[in-house]
Amino acid sequence: MSDHPEPLVASVAQFELALRRVKHGDPGRYVISWRHGNPLPILNALAKDTPFEDPAPGDTRQIVISHDFPSLFHVVGAFEDRPA
């Protein structure tokens, strides 16, 4: 699924695979390119098995998956770059 022609499906599959690897002890650091705006609402809906609207293409962000983070991942991108 990581090579799925639908970009959102491919991004979610890449995230899930990297997260699974890290949860099972992989010491690696994975970076997933996310071109669908803020990933948190989508990932939250998928985790809770609730519906979500298909996002329009948005700012590109990166999801970094690693044991370095308490939640095992961190989102880096456009919304962090804006001044407070």
C-alpha atoms as a PDB file:
ATOM      1  CA  MET A   1       0.000   0.000   0.000  1.00  0.00           C
ATOM      2  CA  SER A   2       3.005   2.310   0.439  1.00  0.00           C
ATOM      3  CA  ASP A   3       3.115   2.662  -3.347  1.00  0.00           C
ATOM      4  CA  HIS A   4      -0.631   3.116  -3.770  1.00  0.00           C
ATOM      5  CA  PRO A   5      -1.581   5.519  -6.596  1.00  0.00           C
ATOM      6  CA  GLU A   6      -3.795   7.515  -4.195  1.00  0.00           C
ATOM      7  CA  PRO A   7      -1.310   9.778  -2.338  1.00  0.00           C
ATOM      8  CA  LEU A   8      -3.246   9.845   0.954  1.00  0.00           C
ATOM      9  CA  VAL A   9      -3.469   6.045   1.086  1.00  0.00           C
ATOM     10  CA  ALA A  10       0.257   5.758   0.354  1.00  0.00           C
ATOM     11  CA  SER A  11       1.147   8.312   3.048  1.00  0.00           C
ATOM     12  CA  VAL A  12      -0.986   6.581   5.678  1.00  0.00           C
ATOM     13  CA  ALA A  13       0.491   3.186   4.765  1.00  0.00           C
ATOM     14  CA  GLN A  14       4.043   4.549   5.018  1.00  0.00           C
ATOM     15  CA  PHE A  15       3.235   6.093   8.409  1.00  0.00           C
ATOM     16  CA  GLU A  16       1.678   2.859   9.704  1.00  0.00           C
ATOM     17  CA  LEU A  17       4.621   0.742   8.554  1.00  0.00           C
ATOM     18  CA  ALA A  18       7.206   3.048  10.120  1.00  0.00           C
ATOM     19  CA  LEU A  19       5.228   3.312  13.367  1.00  0.00           C
ATOM     20  CA  ARG A  20       4.858  -0.468  13.550  1.00  0.00           C
ATOM     21  CA  ARG A  21       8.606  -0.923  13.047  1.00  0.00           C
ATOM     22  CA  VAL A  22       9.477   1.579  15.783  1.00  0.00           C
ATOM     23  CA  LYS A  23       6.905   0.090  18.186  1.00  0.00           C
ATOM     24  CA  HIS A  24       8.540  -3.301  17.668  1.00  0.00           C
ATOM     25  CA  GLY A  25      12.001  -2.030  18.597  1.00  0.00           C
ATOM     26  CA  ASP A  26      13.440  -0.686  15.357  1.00  0.00           C
ATOM     27  CA  PRO A  27      15.920   2.028  16.414  1.00  0.00           C
ATOM     28  CA  GLY A  28      15.529   3.808  13.071  1.00  0.00           C
ATOM     29  CA  ARG A  29      14.210   7.274  12.380  1.00  0.00           C
ATOM     30  CA  TYR A  30      11.670   7.504   9.569  1.00  0.00           C
ATOM     31  CA  VAL A  31      10.453  10.625   7.783  1.00  0.00           C
ATOM     32  CA  ILE A  32       7.175  10.514   5.890  1.00  0.00           C
ATOM     33  CA  SER A  33       6.337  13.311   3.475  1.00  0.00           C
ATOM     34  CA  TRP A  34       2.716  14.357   4.019  1.00  0.00           C
ATOM     35  CA  ARG A  35       1.113  16.556   1.338  1.00  0.00           C
ATOM     36  CA  HIS A  36      -2.401  16.653   2.759  1.00  0.00           C
ATOM     37  CA  GLY A  37      -2.296  19.521   5.255  1.00  0.00           C
ATOM     38  CA  ASN A  38      -2.320  18.760   8.960  1.00  0.00           C
ATOM     39  CA  PRO A  39      -2.070  14.970   9.418  1.00  0.00           C
ATOM     40  CA  LEU A  40      -3.290  14.891  13.014  1.00  0.00           C
ATOM     41  CA  PRO A  41      -7.063  15.029  12.343  1.00  0.00           C
ATOM     42  CA  ILE A  42      -6.773  12.298   9.719  1.00  0.00           C
ATOM     43  CA  LEU A  43      -4.577  10.031  11.817  1.00  0.00           C
ATOM     44  CA  ASN A  44      -6.833  10.590  14.827  1.00  0.00           C
ATOM     45  CA  ALA A  45      -9.944   9.658  12.826  1.00  0.00           C
ATOM     46  CA  LEU A  46      -8.249   6.533  11.491  1.00  0.00           C
ATOM     47  CA  ALA A  47      -7.114   5.512  14.984  1.00  0.00           C
ATOM     48  CA  LYS A  48     -10.667   5.920  16.293  1.00  0.00           C
ATOM     49  CA  ASP A  49     -12.241   4.361  13.181  1.00  0.00           C
ATOM     50  CA  THR A  50     -14.356   7.469  12.593  1.00  0.00           C
ATOM     51  CA  PRO A  51     -15.101   9.156   9.270  1.00  0.00           C
ATOM     52  CA  PHE A  52     -13.126  12.108   7.977  1.00  0.00           C
ATOM     53  CA  GLU A  53     -13.369  14.346   4.954  1.00  0.00           C
ATOM     54  CA  ASP A  54     -10.945  13.639   2.154  1.00  0.00           C
ATOM     55  CA  PRO A  55      -8.494  16.531   2.456  1.00  0.00           C
ATOM     56  CA  ALA A  56      -7.646  18.833  -0.391  1.00  0.00           C
ATOM     57  CA  PRO A  57      -3.929  18.993  -1.175  1.00  0.00           C
ATOM     58  CA  GLY A  58      -2.310  21.249   1.390  1.00  0.00           C
ATOM     59  CA  ASP A  59       0.996  22.317   2.779  1.00  0.00           C
ATOM     60  CA  THR A  60       3.645  19.615   2.787  1.00  0.00           C
ATOM     61  CA  ARG A  61       4.711  18.466   6.223  1.00  0.00           C
ATOM     62  CA  GLN A  62       6.901  15.694   7.477  1.00  0.00           C
ATOM     63  CA  ILE A  63       5.993  13.116  10.059  1.00  0.00           C
ATOM     64  CA  VAL A  64       9.096  11.942  11.900  1.00  0.00           C
ATOM     65  CA  ILE A  65       8.710   8.535  13.540  1.00  0.00           C
ATOM     66  CA  SER A  66      11.287   7.631  16.180  1.00  0.00           C
ATOM     67  CA  HIS A  67      11.783   6.508  19.769  1.00  0.00           C
ATOM     68  CA  ASP A  68      12.966  10.098  20.355  1.00  0.00           C
ATOM     69  CA  PHE A  69       9.349  11.203  20.862  1.00  0.00           C
ATOM     70  CA  PRO A  70       6.986  10.144  23.689  1.00  0.00           C
ATOM     71  CA  SER A  71       4.193   9.483  21.171  1.00  0.00           C
ATOM     72  CA  LEU A  72       6.738   7.894  18.770  1.00  0.00           C
ATOM     73  CA  PHE A  73       6.063  10.550  16.126  1.00  0.00           C
ATOM     74  CA  HIS A  74       6.236  14.298  15.605  1.00  0.00           C
ATOM     75  CA  VAL A  75       4.794  16.482  12.846  1.00  0.00           C
ATOM     76  CA  VAL A  76       7.066  19.105  11.312  1.00  0.00           C
ATOM     77  CA  GLY A  77       5.841  21.592   8.778  1.00  0.00           C
ATOM     78  CA  ALA A  78       3.976  24.670   7.722  1.00  0.00           C
ATOM     79  CA  PHE A  79       1.834  25.242  10.796  1.00  0.00           C
ATOM     80  CA  GLU A  80       4.951  25.300  13.005  1.00  0.00           C
ATOM     81  CA  ASP A  81       6.704  27.800  10.747  1.00  0.00           C
ATOM     82  CA  ARG A  82       4.089  30.514  11.169  1.00  0.00           C
ATOM     83  CA  PRO A  83       4.807  33.225  13.730  1.00  0.00           C
ATOM     84  CA  ALA A  84       2.813  33.020  16.955  1.00  0.00           C
END
